[in-house]
Each structure stands twice: as structure tokens, then as C-alpha cells.
């Protein structure tokens, strides 16, 4: 089942900060689209990884080893909300996701 993808309003700024190449942007878009076909956690046969702590209920997936995409799903509406895309190394991606939980 394909989920509609909704991006957080500051997603363009997130991506600009990462300075991804055109090839990486195409690859990222494809990965998000692929995940949207089965955004559920791996424990439920999906492609996402569950987060814990104050981000419990959110999911993530890796992109090019260095990046993380944090998202939520709204099952009733078949919506996948992409909350933040960032580098895993500085862990700011997780802090930013916590700030955007009301999205």
C-alpha cells in the first residue's frame, strides 16, 4: 500500500544544509518513495526502524550511511510524514526531530 508523503515545512532548508549532490538528491527521493510503500517498522515487516525515548513512535531509515531520515506514519490516513533529514554523526537530526513532534 502506498502512503502519501508529506514533508515538514523546513525540509528544503534541511536538504540545503546537507549540500547533497544532484545524484544524492535523486537517490534520497527514490529511497523516500520506496519506504512509502511499506513505512512500518521492521518488526512488522516494514522498512523503518523504531526510535525510542522521547522519539518513541517515530521511525527512521538510513541514507548513504551518514544521513538519517526521521518520519512518522498516520495509518488511518495512509500518510507518511517526513519530519527531518540530517547527519547522524552530530545527533542533531534527533534533537531537531524532537522539536518538530507537533508536525
Protein backbone atom coordinates (compact mmCIF):
# COMPACT_ATOMS: atom_id res chain seq x y z
CA UNK A 1 0.00 0.00 0.00
CA UNK A 2 1.40 3.37 -0.99
CA UNK A 3 1.41 6.08 1.68
CA UNK A 4 1.08 9.75 0.78
CA UNK A 5 4.32 11.59 1.61
CA UNK A 6 4.06 14.89 3.46
CA UNK A 7 7.22 16.88 4.16
CA UNK A 8 7.83 19.13 7.14
CA UNK A 9 7.78 22.77 6.05
CA UNK A 10 11.52 23.30 6.67
CA UNK A 11 12.62 20.27 4.68
CA UNK A 12 14.10 22.39 1.88
CA UNK A 13 16.35 24.12 4.42
CA UNK A 14 17.39 20.75 5.88
CA UNK A 15 18.40 19.48 2.48
CA UNK A 16 20.21 22.69 1.55
CA UNK A 17 22.29 22.50 4.75
CA UNK A 18 23.42 18.99 3.83
CA UNK A 19 24.83 20.16 0.48
CA UNK A 20 23.86 16.93 -1.26
CA UNK A 21 24.86 16.33 -4.84
CA UNK A 22 22.22 16.08 -7.54
CA UNK A 23 22.80 12.31 -7.62
CA UNK A 24 22.31 12.08 -3.84
CA UNK A 25 19.09 14.11 -4.06
CA UNK A 26 17.69 11.76 -6.71
CA UNK A 27 18.73 8.77 -4.62
CA UNK A 28 17.16 10.28 -1.48
CA UNK A 29 13.87 10.97 -3.23
CA UNK A 30 13.76 7.41 -4.56
CA UNK A 31 14.54 5.98 -1.11
CA UNK A 32 11.71 8.01 0.47
CA UNK A 33 9.33 6.84 -2.26
CA UNK A 34 10.43 3.22 -1.74
CA UNK A 35 9.91 3.48 2.01
CA UNK A 36 6.44 4.98 1.47
CA UNK A 37 5.30 1.63 0.04
CA UNK A 38 5.89 -0.01 3.43
CA UNK A 39 6.85 2.59 6.07
CA UNK A 40 6.11 0.34 9.04
CA UNK A 41 8.81 -0.86 11.44
CA UNK A 42 10.92 -3.87 10.50
CA UNK A 43 9.30 -5.76 13.40
CA UNK A 44 6.02 -5.51 11.46
CA UNK A 45 7.55 -6.45 8.13
CA UNK A 46 8.22 -2.85 7.10
CA UNK A 47 11.32 -0.91 6.11
CA UNK A 48 11.66 1.55 9.02
CA UNK A 49 13.48 1.36 12.33
CA UNK A 50 11.67 2.33 15.53
CA UNK A 51 13.09 5.12 17.65
CA UNK A 52 12.91 5.16 21.44
CA UNK A 53 12.97 7.59 24.35
CA UNK A 54 11.37 10.96 23.67
CA UNK A 55 11.12 9.97 19.97
CA UNK A 56 9.10 6.85 20.66
CA UNK A 57 6.51 6.41 17.92
CA UNK A 58 8.77 7.85 15.24
CA UNK A 59 10.74 5.84 12.73
CA UNK A 60 13.97 6.31 10.81
CA UNK A 61 15.89 4.96 7.90
CA UNK A 62 19.47 5.35 6.82
CA UNK A 63 20.54 7.11 3.67
CA UNK A 64 24.13 6.91 2.41
CA UNK A 65 25.29 5.66 5.86
CA UNK A 66 25.88 9.21 7.16
CA UNK A 67 22.31 10.51 6.99
CA UNK A 68 19.06 9.72 8.76
CA UNK A 69 15.50 10.41 7.71
CA UNK A 70 13.08 10.65 10.64
CA UNK A 71 9.39 10.19 9.92
CA UNK A 72 6.04 9.25 11.39
CA UNK A 73 3.10 7.40 9.93
CA UNK A 74 -0.61 8.07 10.27
CA UNK A 75 -2.14 4.68 9.49
CA UNK A 76 -5.73 5.88 9.33
CA UNK A 77 -4.93 8.42 6.62
CA UNK A 78 -2.19 6.41 4.84
CA UNK A 79 0.24 9.29 5.39
CA UNK A 80 3.99 9.21 5.90
CA UNK A 81 5.23 12.50 7.43
CA UNK A 82 8.91 13.17 6.79
CA UNK A 83 9.97 15.24 9.79
CA UNK A 84 13.70 15.82 9.39
CA UNK A 85 16.67 14.76 7.27
CA UNK A 86 20.12 15.20 8.74
CA UNK A 87 23.54 13.83 9.53
CA UNK A 88 23.66 11.09 12.10
CA UNK A 89 27.18 11.95 13.30
CA UNK A 90 26.25 15.07 15.25
CA UNK A 91 22.93 13.63 16.51
CA UNK A 92 21.29 16.99 15.78
CA UNK A 93 18.90 15.15 13.49
CA UNK A 94 17.34 13.52 16.57
CA UNK A 95 17.20 16.77 18.57
CA UNK A 96 15.54 18.54 15.65
CA UNK A 97 13.01 15.72 15.30
CA UNK A 98 12.08 16.20 18.96
CA UNK A 99 11.40 19.90 18.33
CA UNK A 100 9.17 19.10 15.37
CA UNK A 101 6.97 16.47 17.01
CA UNK A 102 3.84 18.57 16.68
CA UNK A 103 4.03 18.42 12.88
